[in-house]
Amino acid sequence: MSERQLLVGPFNRVEGDLEIKLDIRDGQVAAAYANSPLFRGFEMMLPGKDPRDALTLTPRICGICSVSQSAAAAFALAEASGARMPAQGALAAAILHGVENMADHVTHFHLFFMPDFARPAYAGRTWHDRAVQRFTALQGSAARATAEARARLFHIAGTLGGKWPHTLAIQPGGVTRAPAAQDRVRMLATLRSFRRYLEDGLFGAPVEAFAGLSTLVELEAWETGDAGLFLAISTDLGLERGGFGPRRYLSFGAYPLEGGRAMAPGLWENGMTGPYDAGQISEDLSHAWMLGDTAHPAQGQTLPDEDMREGAYSWCKAPRLDTRVVEVGALARQAIDGHPLAQVLAAEGSTRARIAGRLLEIARLQLLLESWVQALDPDARFMGEQPTVKAGSGAGLVEAARGSLGHWLRIEGGRIASYQIVAPTTWNFSPRDATGTPGPVEMALVGAEVAEGEETPLSVQHIVRSFDPCMVCTVH
């Protein structure tokens, strides 16, 4: 029996710092330990400030999912103050948020995940030349097309939000700018252009066709576009045979609108979807460099342990739902929303499943964005009243591209008394909890093959990237 330890990191093409320690036994990962080595302290900056400052500060947590942070802060303040968005304000906020999530999805697929398959290690594979042509960093045709399409898509963010990132457009009572009729026409034209990018390159077919896939047989028969190339690579490398997470999925429900959320909230496990109880969320500190007790975020604290006690190995807390590990992300959203193919993929729970789930969400989100912009009414109210709050509490639960994001706020004497954030990557890259149960990515890495002498295993990188970590969001 051969045994060794390997420290992989820092990872390139990952937002923020990430290190993963691997225990390797007989050429396979026997245990993994994910470390978020950069502490940032945003949760410590907010107490004592005016509650409205959260709308300015929390989007600065991240430069690629700042609208998600902004929306979570706005909804937390709305719950604390009793503010309510008019229907058209909520619709405009959903469009802003959906545009950012879409941009994150295509960026991840084309610029973060797929370039690994253009590496010389895969030379000789039947698909390698196509991967090199499409996905080589800075040179691949897909990389150029994605950068251009992404830039055009963000014209919508400029129209509705004034700028991106770090827009202040989403407020507790609505959005700050009511689009005019000509704005609606321009946004529809932008979405038509983005649809061409998706249909010419990513799917090689109408987005409706990919969104309509319902079985693994149909998915595996898909041959066109970059999605078809991914599926061919996946079949050749067996990406459906590894990277298994907890196969328990959480979604807060995406895009709050009048009458409910556009994508359903819930918990998916063992083929069944049911409600979740946000009161059962807790953050375990047993293996984090944090002081204090395990608590619900509404009662939690951020007290860094500068002595970095023995047994802890990350600045990341370990979120749990009813003491259990859950995975979050696009696959979770689509499965909980009831899409039949996503539910089959959720049961699989593999590296392939996460990427296919994200491709599925791209197709479905394009259709949603088109319908939302069509439904904009320039003559309606987009902003309601925004009461000043002296005391109260609220939670802002939204879905960022990478999964479930929650902000928990308490206000006393007109000032923030407590502010806690649980980001998607906090869920997925959490360390072990008090029972020794590993977090989702730590689970998924077990069984990954590592060749003798291999220092940056591609098998490990594929699994890690399938979760699309955003480490700067993880530790506040």
Protein backbone atom coordinates (compact mmCIF):
# COMPACT_ATOMS: atom_id res chain seq x y z
CA MET A 1 0.00 0.00 0.00
CA SER A 2 1.38 3.41 -0.98
CA GLU A 3 0.37 6.54 0.91
CA ARG A 4 1.29 10.19 0.55
CA GLN A 5 -0.07 13.68 1.11
CA LEU A 6 -0.39 16.32 -1.57
CA LEU A 7 -1.20 20.03 -1.27
CA VAL A 8 -2.89 21.33 -4.40
CA GLY A 9 -3.09 25.08 -4.78
CA PRO A 10 -3.35 27.88 -5.28
CA PHE A 11 -5.72 27.09 -8.14
CA ASN A 12 -5.68 29.20 -11.28
CA ARG A 13 -8.94 30.35 -12.88
CA VAL A 14 -10.60 30.42 -9.45
CA GLU A 15 -11.92 33.63 -7.90
CA GLY A 16 -9.86 34.03 -4.71
CA ASP A 17 -7.47 31.73 -2.88
CA LEU A 18 -7.99 27.98 -2.49
CA GLU A 19 -5.79 25.16 -1.23
CA ILE A 20 -6.80 21.52 -0.94
CA LYS A 21 -4.83 18.93 1.01
CA LEU A 22 -5.21 15.38 -0.24
CA ASP A 23 -4.51 12.08 1.49
CA ILE A 24 -3.67 9.69 -1.34
CA ARG A 25 -3.75 5.94 -0.95
CA ASP A 26 -2.94 3.52 -3.78
CA GLY A 27 -3.37 6.17 -6.47
CA GLN A 28 -6.71 7.53 -5.26
CA VAL A 29 -7.79 10.36 -2.99
CA ALA A 30 -8.74 8.84 0.36
CA ALA A 31 -9.58 12.15 2.07
CA ALA A 32 -9.62 15.84 1.12
CA TYR A 33 -9.42 19.01 3.22
CA ALA A 34 -10.47 22.30 1.59
CA ASN A 35 -8.84 25.44 2.94
CA SER A 36 -9.95 28.98 2.23
CA PRO A 37 -6.73 30.72 3.33
CA LEU A 38 -7.76 34.38 2.90
CA PHE A 39 -9.79 36.07 5.67
CA ARG A 40 -11.51 39.30 4.58
CA GLY A 41 -13.78 40.37 7.46
CA PHE A 42 -16.78 41.99 5.73
CA GLU A 43 -19.13 40.78 8.45
CA MET A 44 -16.95 42.65 10.97
CA MET A 45 -17.12 45.91 8.99
CA LEU A 46 -20.90 46.29 9.08
CA PRO A 47 -21.92 46.46 12.79
CA GLY A 48 -22.38 50.07 13.93
CA LYS A 49 -23.12 51.39 10.47
CA ASP A 50 -26.34 52.76 9.00
CA PRO A 51 -28.38 49.79 7.70
CA ARG A 52 -28.38 51.31 4.21
CA ASP A 53 -24.60 51.01 4.11
CA ALA A 54 -25.07 47.27 3.61
CA LEU A 55 -26.30 48.07 0.10
CA THR A 56 -22.97 49.73 -0.66
CA LEU A 57 -20.55 47.48 1.21
CA THR A 58 -21.79 43.93 0.66
CA PRO A 59 -21.63 44.06 -3.17
CA ARG A 60 -17.90 44.75 -2.74
CA ILE A 61 -17.49 41.25 -1.34
CA CYS A 62 -17.19 40.08 -4.94
CA GLY A 63 -16.60 41.58 -8.35
CA ILE A 64 -18.40 38.86 -10.30
CA CYS A 65 -21.56 38.24 -8.26
CA SER A 66 -22.09 41.70 -6.80
CA VAL A 67 -25.74 41.90 -7.92
CA SER A 68 -26.44 38.72 -5.95
CA GLN A 69 -24.97 40.32 -2.83
CA SER A 70 -26.87 43.53 -3.52
CA ALA A 71 -30.17 41.69 -3.92
CA ALA A 72 -29.63 39.69 -0.72
CA ALA A 73 -28.88 42.89 1.22
CA ALA A 74 -31.94 44.65 -0.23
CA PHE A 75 -34.27 41.76 0.65
CA ALA A 76 -32.85 41.55 4.19
CA LEU A 77 -33.47 45.28 4.66
CA ALA A 78 -36.94 44.96 3.14
CA GLU A 79 -37.90 42.26 5.62
CA ALA A 80 -36.53 44.31 8.51
CA SER A 81 -38.27 47.53 7.46
CA GLY A 82 -41.48 46.22 5.92
CA ALA A 83 -40.64 47.71 2.51
CA ARG A 84 -42.24 46.00 -0.47
CA MET A 85 -41.19 46.10 -4.11
CA PRO A 86 -43.84 46.91 -6.71
CA ALA A 87 -44.33 44.05 -9.17
CA GLN A 88 -42.42 45.81 -11.93
CA GLY A 89 -39.59 46.69 -9.54
CA ALA A 90 -39.22 43.04 -8.61
CA LEU A 91 -39.25 42.14 -12.31
CA ALA A 92 -36.48 44.62 -13.12
CA ALA A 93 -34.44 43.33 -10.16
CA ALA A 94 -34.86 39.78 -11.46
CA ILE A 95 -33.62 40.81 -14.90
CA LEU A 96 -30.56 42.50 -13.40
CA HIS A 97 -29.82 39.44 -11.28
CA GLY A 98 -30.53 36.99 -14.11
CA VAL A 99 -28.15 38.82 -16.46
CA GLU A 100 -25.34 38.56 -13.91
CA ASN A 101 -26.02 34.87 -13.27
CA MET A 102 -26.10 34.17 -17.01
CA ALA A 103 -22.79 35.94 -17.51
CA ASP A 104 -21.27 33.89 -14.66
CA HIS A 105 -22.53 30.64 -16.20
CA VAL A 106 -21.09 31.15 -19.68
CA THR A 107 -17.85 32.54 -18.23
CA HIS A 108 -17.45 29.48 -16.05
CA PHE A 109 -18.10 27.01 -18.84
CA HIS A 110 -16.00 28.59 -21.57
CA LEU A 111 -13.23 30.33 -19.61
CA PHE A 112 -12.86 28.43 -16.32
CA PHE A 113 -13.90 24.80 -16.83
CA MET A 114 -13.34 23.80 -20.46
CA PRO A 115 -9.78 25.16 -20.96
CA ASP A 116 -8.41 22.27 -18.88
CA PHE A 117 -9.30 19.90 -21.74
CA ALA A 118 -7.05 21.84 -24.12
CA ARG A 119 -3.98 20.87 -22.08
CA PRO A 120 -1.20 18.80 -23.70
CA ALA A 121 -1.91 15.97 -21.25
CA TYR A 122 -4.94 15.11 -23.38
CA ALA A 123 -3.12 15.22 -26.74
CA GLY A 124 -4.10 12.22 -28.86
CA ARG A 125 -7.70 12.10 -27.68
CA THR A 126 -10.10 12.27 -30.59
CA TRP A 127 -11.59 15.51 -29.30
CA HIS A 128 -8.38 17.28 -28.25
CA ASP A 129 -7.80 19.30 -31.43
CA ARG A 130 -11.33 20.71 -31.21
CA ALA A 131 -10.81 21.56 -27.54
CA VAL A 132 -7.57 23.38 -28.35
CA GLN A 133 -9.24 25.34 -31.15
CA ARG A 134 -12.22 26.31 -28.98
CA PHE A 135 -10.89 26.65 -25.46
CA THR A 136 -7.18 27.53 -25.41
CA ALA A 137 -6.82 30.42 -22.96
CA LEU A 138 -6.74 33.86 -24.63
CA GLN A 139 -6.73 32.28 -28.10
CA GLY A 140 -9.66 29.89 -28.41
CA SER A 141 -12.56 30.95 -30.61
CA ALA A 142 -15.08 30.20 -27.86
CA ALA A 143 -13.14 32.37 -25.42
CA ARG A 144 -13.26 35.34 -27.78
CA ALA A 145 -16.94 34.86 -28.59
CA THR A 146 -17.83 34.52 -24.90
CA ALA A 147 -15.97 37.67 -23.90
CA GLU A 148 -17.75 39.63 -26.62
CA ALA A 149 -21.21 38.20 -25.91
CA ARG A 150 -20.78 38.74 -22.18
CA ALA A 151 -19.85 42.39 -22.73
CA ARG A 152 -22.94 42.94 -24.90
CA LEU A 153 -25.18 41.22 -22.36
CA PHE A 154 -24.02 43.61 -19.65
CA HIS A 155 -25.53 46.48 -21.63
CA ILE A 156 -28.75 45.37 -19.93
CA ALA A 157 -27.09 45.81 -16.54
CA GLY A 158 -26.03 49.28 -17.60
CA THR A 159 -29.55 50.14 -18.72
CA LEU A 160 -31.27 48.96 -15.54
CA GLY A 161 -28.49 49.40 -13.00
CA GLY A 162 -26.39 52.27 -14.29
CA LYS A 163 -23.21 50.21 -14.05
CA TRP A 164 -21.80 46.80 -13.25
CA PRO A 165 -20.42 45.64 -10.88
CA HIS A 166 -21.50 47.22 -7.59
CA THR A 167 -24.72 48.81 -8.78
CA LEU A 168 -26.96 50.42 -6.17
CA ALA A 169 -30.04 50.02 -8.37
CA ILE A 170 -31.71 47.30 -6.27
CA GLN A 171 -33.19 48.84 -3.12
CA PRO A 172 -35.58 47.43 -0.47
CA GLY A 173 -38.48 49.22 -2.13
CA GLY A 174 -37.69 48.44 -5.77
CA VAL A 175 -35.20 49.65 -8.39
CA THR A 176 -33.91 53.17 -8.84
CA ARG A 177 -34.50 53.51 -12.57
CA ALA A 178 -37.70 52.90 -14.50
CA PRO A 179 -36.83 51.74 -18.02
CA ALA A 180 -38.37 53.62 -20.91
CA ALA A 181 -40.05 51.98 -23.90
CA GLN A 182 -36.91 52.37 -26.01
CA ASP A 183 -34.88 50.69 -23.24
CA ARG A 184 -37.14 47.67 -23.45
CA VAL A 185 -36.61 47.49 -27.23
CA ARG A 186 -32.82 47.69 -26.80
CA MET A 187 -32.80 44.98 -24.12
CA LEU A 188 -34.82 42.65 -26.33
CA ALA A 189 -32.33 43.26 -29.15
CA THR A 190 -29.47 42.46 -26.77
CA LEU A 191 -31.13 39.21 -25.74
CA ARG A 192 -31.65 38.28 -29.40
CA SER A 193 -27.94 38.80 -29.97
CA PHE A 194 -27.10 36.70 -26.91
CA ARG A 195 -29.45 33.97 -28.12
CA ARG A 196 -27.47 33.84 -31.39
CA TYR A 197 -24.27 33.39 -29.41
CA LEU A 198 -25.82 30.50 -27.46
CA GLU A 199 -27.36 28.84 -30.50
CA ASP A 200 -24.38 29.27 -32.83
CA GLY A 201 -21.69 28.24 -30.36
CA LEU A 202 -22.75 26.75 -27.05
CA PHE A 203 -25.70 24.59 -28.11
CA GLY A 204 -25.51 24.54 -31.91
CA ALA A 205 -29.32 24.42 -31.87
CA PRO A 206 -32.27 26.40 -30.48
CA VAL A 207 -32.10 26.96 -26.73
CA GLU A 208 -35.60 25.49 -26.49
CA ALA A 209 -34.26 22.16 -27.73
CA PHE A 210 -31.66 21.89 -24.97
CA ALA A 211 -34.08 23.16 -22.32
CA GLY A 212 -36.50 20.45 -23.44
CA LEU A 213 -34.15 17.52 -22.85
CA SER A 214 -35.70 15.21 -20.28
CA THR A 215 -33.62 12.00 -20.12
CA LEU A 216 -29.99 10.93 -19.97
CA VAL A 217 -30.42 9.17 -23.31
CA GLU A 218 -31.43 12.47 -24.92
CA LEU A 219 -28.58 14.33 -23.19
CA GLU A 220 -25.94 11.80 -24.23
CA ALA A 221 -27.20 11.92 -27.82
CA TRP A 222 -26.61 15.71 -27.98
CA GLU A 223 -23.72 16.25 -30.42
CA THR A 224 -23.89 19.89 -31.52
CA GLY A 225 -22.07 22.96 -30.25
CA ASP A 226 -19.71 23.23 -27.32
CA ALA A 227 -22.26 21.40 -25.18
CA GLY A 228 -21.92 18.42 -27.52
CA LEU A 229 -18.13 18.63 -27.30
CA PHE A 230 -18.32 18.67 -23.51
CA LEU A 231 -20.55 15.60 -23.52
CA ALA A 232 -18.18 13.75 -25.85
CA ILE A 233 -15.25 14.60 -23.58
CA SER A 234 -17.26 13.61 -20.53
CA THR A 235 -18.11 10.21 -22.00
CA ASP A 236 -14.49 9.58 -23.01
CA LEU A 237 -13.08 10.54 -19.59
CA GLY A 238 -15.93 9.11 -17.52
CA LEU A 239 -16.86 12.34 -15.79
CA GLU A 240 -20.15 10.71 -14.82
CA ARG A 241 -18.23 8.18 -12.72
CA GLY A 242 -16.67 10.55 -10.19
CA GLY A 243 -17.00 13.76 -8.25
CA PHE A 244 -19.97 12.55 -6.23
CA GLY A 245 -21.25 15.04 -3.67
CA PRO A 246 -23.80 14.44 -0.91
CA ARG A 247 -26.67 14.09 -3.44
CA ARG A 248 -28.68 16.31 -1.12
CA TYR A 249 -29.48 19.70 -2.62
CA LEU A 250 -30.75 23.04 -1.33
CA SER A 251 -32.19 26.04 -3.14
CA PHE A 252 -33.62 29.19 -1.59
CA GLY A 253 -35.58 29.73 -4.80
CA ALA A 254 -34.37 32.11 -7.50
CA TYR A 255 -35.76 35.50 -8.56
CA PRO A 256 -38.48 36.67 -6.16
CA LEU A 257 -41.41 38.05 -8.17
CA GLU A 258 -44.96 39.02 -7.36
CA GLY A 259 -46.74 35.75 -6.61
CA GLY A 260 -43.64 33.66 -5.85
CA ARG A 261 -40.17 32.82 -7.03
CA ALA A 262 -39.41 32.06 -10.67
CA MET A 263 -37.52 28.93 -9.62
CA ALA A 264 -38.94 26.99 -6.69
CA PRO A 265 -37.27 26.79 -3.27
CA GLY A 266 -36.79 23.50 -1.51
CA LEU A 267 -34.66 20.54 -0.54
CA TRP A 268 -34.05 17.58 -2.89
CA GLU A 269 -32.97 14.17 -1.61
CA ASN A 270 -33.52 10.57 -2.69
CA GLY A 271 -35.61 11.65 -5.66
CA MET A 272 -37.99 13.69 -3.53
CA THR A 273 -38.42 17.46 -3.36
CA GLY A 274 -39.81 19.04 -0.22
CA PRO A 275 -39.71 22.31 1.71
CA TYR A 276 -36.69 23.46 3.67
CA ASP A 277 -36.65 25.24 6.99
CA ALA A 278 -34.27 28.21 7.04
CA GLY A 279 -34.44 28.08 10.84
CA GLN A 280 -32.47 24.81 10.70
CA ILE A 281 -29.41 26.42 9.10
CA SER A 282 -26.37 26.51 11.34
CA GLU A 283 -22.67 27.27 10.94
CA ASP A 284 -20.36 24.75 12.59
CA LEU A 285 -17.03 26.20 13.77
CA SER A 286 -15.27 23.01 14.88
CA HIS A 287 -12.74 22.97 12.00
CA ALA A 288 -12.65 26.70 11.21
CA TRP A 289 -10.23 29.26 12.58
CA MET A 290 -13.14 30.94 14.34
CA LEU A 291 -14.11 31.49 17.95
CA GLY A 292 -17.60 30.99 19.37
CA ASP A 293 -20.28 28.36 19.16
CA THR A 294 -22.16 26.69 16.36
CA ALA A 295 -25.22 28.86 15.71
CA HIS A 296 -27.88 29.93 13.25
CA PRO A 297 -26.54 32.86 11.20
CA ALA A 298 -29.06 35.21 12.83
CA GLN A 299 -27.29 34.53 16.15
CA GLY A 300 -23.82 33.90 14.72
CA GLN A 301 -20.63 35.88 15.16
CA THR A 302 -17.45 36.39 13.18
CA LEU A 303 -14.58 36.18 15.65
CA PRO A 304 -11.37 35.07 13.93
CA ASP A 305 -9.07 32.81 15.93
CA GLU A 306 -5.70 34.45 15.45
CA ASP A 307 -3.98 31.54 17.20
CA MET A 308 -5.30 29.18 14.47
CA ARG A 309 -5.99 26.35 16.88
CA GLU A 310 -5.02 22.75 16.27
CA GLY A 311 -7.61 20.73 14.37
CA ALA A 312 -8.94 23.69 12.38
CA TYR A 313 -7.76 24.10 8.80
CA SER A 314 -9.82 26.82 7.07
CA TRP A 315 -11.22 30.31 7.59
CA CYS A 316 -14.47 28.97 6.16
CA LYS A 317 -17.26 28.00 8.54
CA ALA A 318 -19.23 24.79 7.88
CA PRO A 319 -22.88 25.55 7.05
CA ARG A 320 -25.31 22.70 7.62
CA LEU A 321 -29.07 22.28 7.20
CA ASP A 322 -30.56 20.34 10.09
CA THR A 323 -26.94 19.28 10.86
CA ARG A 324 -26.60 17.71 7.39
CA VAL A 325 -24.40 18.53 4.41
CA VAL A 326 -26.12 19.97 1.33
CA GLU A 327 -24.87 20.97 -2.10
CA VAL A 328 -26.03 24.17 -3.78
CA GLY A 329 -25.82 25.48 -7.33
CA ALA A 330 -27.50 25.42 -10.73
CA LEU A 331 -28.02 21.64 -10.62
CA ALA A 332 -29.77 22.01 -7.26
CA ARG A 333 -31.99 24.82 -8.58
CA GLN A 334 -33.04 22.93 -11.67
CA ALA A 335 -33.74 19.67 -9.83
CA ILE A 336 -35.76 21.41 -7.11
CA ASP A 337 -37.63 23.38 -9.76
CA GLY A 338 -38.79 20.05 -11.11
CA HIS A 339 -36.92 19.68 -14.40
CA PRO A 340 -36.91 15.94 -15.21
CA LEU A 341 -33.38 15.79 -16.66
CA ALA A 342 -31.99 17.81 -13.74
CA GLN A 343 -33.54 15.38 -11.27
CA VAL A 344 -31.87 12.44 -13.02
CA LEU A 345 -28.58 14.34 -12.97
CA ALA A 346 -29.04 15.22 -9.28
CA ALA A 347 -29.35 11.52 -8.48
CA GLU A 348 -26.11 10.96 -10.42
CA GLY A 349 -24.40 13.78 -8.51
CA SER A 350 -21.20 13.68 -10.58
CA THR A 351 -18.82 16.14 -12.21
CA ARG A 352 -20.77 15.71 -15.44
CA ALA A 353 -24.05 16.33 -13.64
CA ARG A 354 -22.97 19.73 -12.29
CA ILE A 355 -21.83 21.01 -15.67
CA ALA A 356 -24.86 19.62 -17.51
CA GLY A 357 -27.12 21.17 -14.87
CA ARG A 358 -25.51 24.52 -15.47
CA LEU A 359 -25.92 24.20 -19.25
CA LEU A 360 -29.56 23.38 -18.66
CA GLU A 361 -29.97 26.50 -16.55
CA ILE A 362 -28.37 28.65 -19.25
CA ALA A 363 -31.00 27.52 -21.75
CA ARG A 364 -33.90 27.96 -19.32
CA LEU A 365 -32.64 31.33 -18.03
CA GLN A 366 -32.41 32.72 -21.56
CA LEU A 367 -36.10 31.95 -22.02
CA LEU A 368 -36.95 33.56 -18.67
CA LEU A 369 -34.99 36.72 -19.44
CA GLU A 370 -36.74 37.11 -22.77
CA SER A 371 -40.16 36.73 -21.15
CA TRP A 372 -39.30 39.12 -18.31
CA VAL A 373 -38.12 41.90 -20.60
CA GLN A 374 -41.23 41.42 -22.74
CA ALA A 375 -43.33 41.87 -19.58
CA LEU A 376 -41.75 45.20 -18.55
CA ASP A 377 -44.26 48.04 -18.39
CA PRO A 378 -42.50 51.42 -18.66
CA ASP A 379 -45.62 53.18 -17.35
CA ALA A 380 -45.71 51.22 -14.08
CA ARG A 381 -44.15 52.03 -10.70
CA PHE A 382 -40.72 50.53 -10.12
CA MET A 383 -40.08 51.94 -6.62
CA GLY A 384 -42.26 51.88 -3.54
CA GLU A 385 -41.87 53.40 -0.11
CA GLN A 386 -38.71 52.71 1.85
CA PRO A 387 -39.43 53.12 5.57
CA THR A 388 -36.61 54.04 7.92
CA VAL A 389 -36.01 51.23 10.37
CA LYS A 390 -34.76 51.79 13.92
CA ALA A 391 -35.03 48.21 15.14
CA GLY A 392 -35.76 44.92 13.46
CA SER A 393 -34.27 41.91 11.75
CA GLY A 394 -34.48 40.33 8.35
CA ALA A 395 -33.06 37.69 6.05
CA GLY A 396 -32.30 38.09 2.35
CA LEU A 397 -32.28 34.65 0.71
CA VAL A 398 -31.42 34.57 -3.00
CA GLU A 399 -29.76 32.34 -5.56
CA ALA A 400 -26.40 33.46 -6.97
CA ALA A 401 -24.99 31.64 -9.99
CA ARG A 402 -23.10 29.28 -7.69
CA GLY A 403 -26.02 28.59 -5.37
CA SER A 404 -27.83 29.69 -2.23
CA LEU A 405 -26.78 33.02 -0.72
CA GLY A 406 -28.16 34.32 2.57
CA HIS A 407 -27.77 37.63 4.43
CA TRP A 408 -29.02 37.85 8.03
CA LEU A 409 -29.35 41.36 9.48
CA ARG A 410 -30.27 42.73 12.92
CA ILE A 411 -30.81 46.44 13.55
CA GLU A 412 -30.83 48.14 16.96
CA GLY A 413 -31.04 51.88 17.61
CA GLY A 414 -30.99 52.63 13.91
CA ARG A 415 -27.64 50.88 13.45
CA ILE A 416 -26.55 47.45 12.28
CA ALA A 417 -26.07 45.27 15.35
CA SER A 418 -25.25 42.05 13.52
CA TYR A 419 -24.71 40.99 9.90
CA GLN A 420 -23.93 37.44 8.84
CA ILE A 421 -23.52 36.02 5.34
CA VAL A 422 -23.52 32.43 4.08
CA ALA A 423 -22.38 32.29 0.46
CA PRO A 424 -22.73 29.40 -2.02
CA THR A 425 -19.06 28.51 -1.81
CA THR A 426 -19.32 28.51 1.98
CA TRP A 427 -21.80 25.65 1.59
CA ASN A 428 -19.87 23.76 -1.08
CA PHE A 429 -16.31 24.26 0.19
CA SER A 430 -17.00 23.98 3.90
CA PRO A 431 -14.57 22.07 6.10
CA ARG A 432 -15.59 19.14 8.27
CA ASP A 433 -18.15 19.63 11.03
CA ALA A 434 -18.08 18.43 14.64
CA THR A 435 -19.06 14.91 13.58
CA GLY A 436 -16.14 14.77 11.15
CA THR A 437 -18.45 14.83 8.13
CA PRO A 438 -16.69 16.49 5.18
CA GLY A 439 -18.20 19.27 3.09
CA PRO A 440 -19.47 18.71 -0.47
CA VAL A 441 -16.22 19.25 -2.39
CA GLU A 442 -14.29 17.23 0.19
CA MET A 443 -16.75 14.37 -0.37
CA ALA A 444 -16.60 14.72 -4.15
CA LEU A 445 -12.81 14.42 -4.29
CA VAL A 446 -12.70 11.04 -2.57
CA GLY A 447 -11.88 8.40 -5.16
CA ALA A 448 -10.28 10.78 -7.67
CA GLU A 449 -7.33 9.14 -9.39
CA VAL A 450 -3.88 10.64 -8.85
CA ALA A 451 -0.89 9.21 -10.70
CA GLU A 452 2.42 8.66 -8.96
CA GLY A 453 4.39 11.89 -9.03
CA GLU A 454 1.42 13.96 -10.24
CA GLU A 455 1.39 17.29 -8.38
CA THR A 456 -1.63 19.06 -9.94
CA PRO A 457 -3.98 16.20 -10.86
CA LEU A 458 -6.38 17.04 -13.66
CA SER A 459 -8.96 14.71 -12.12
CA VAL A 460 -8.94 16.87 -8.99
CA GLN A 461 -9.11 20.10 -10.97
CA HIS A 462 -12.13 18.94 -12.98
CA ILE A 463 -14.04 18.11 -9.80
CA VAL A 464 -13.11 21.34 -8.04
CA ARG A 465 -13.98 23.47 -11.06
CA SER A 466 -17.32 21.72 -11.50
CA PHE A 467 -18.38 23.52 -8.28
CA ASP A 468 -17.09 26.86 -9.67
CA PRO A 469 -15.66 28.14 -6.38
CA CYS A 470 -15.77 31.86 -5.62
CA MET A 471 -13.48 31.92 -2.61
CA VAL A 472 -13.63 35.68 -2.06
CA CYS A 473 -17.33 35.24 -1.19
CA THR A 474 -16.61 32.41 1.20
CA VAL A 475 -14.88 34.10 4.13
CA HIS A 476 -16.11 37.42 5.41
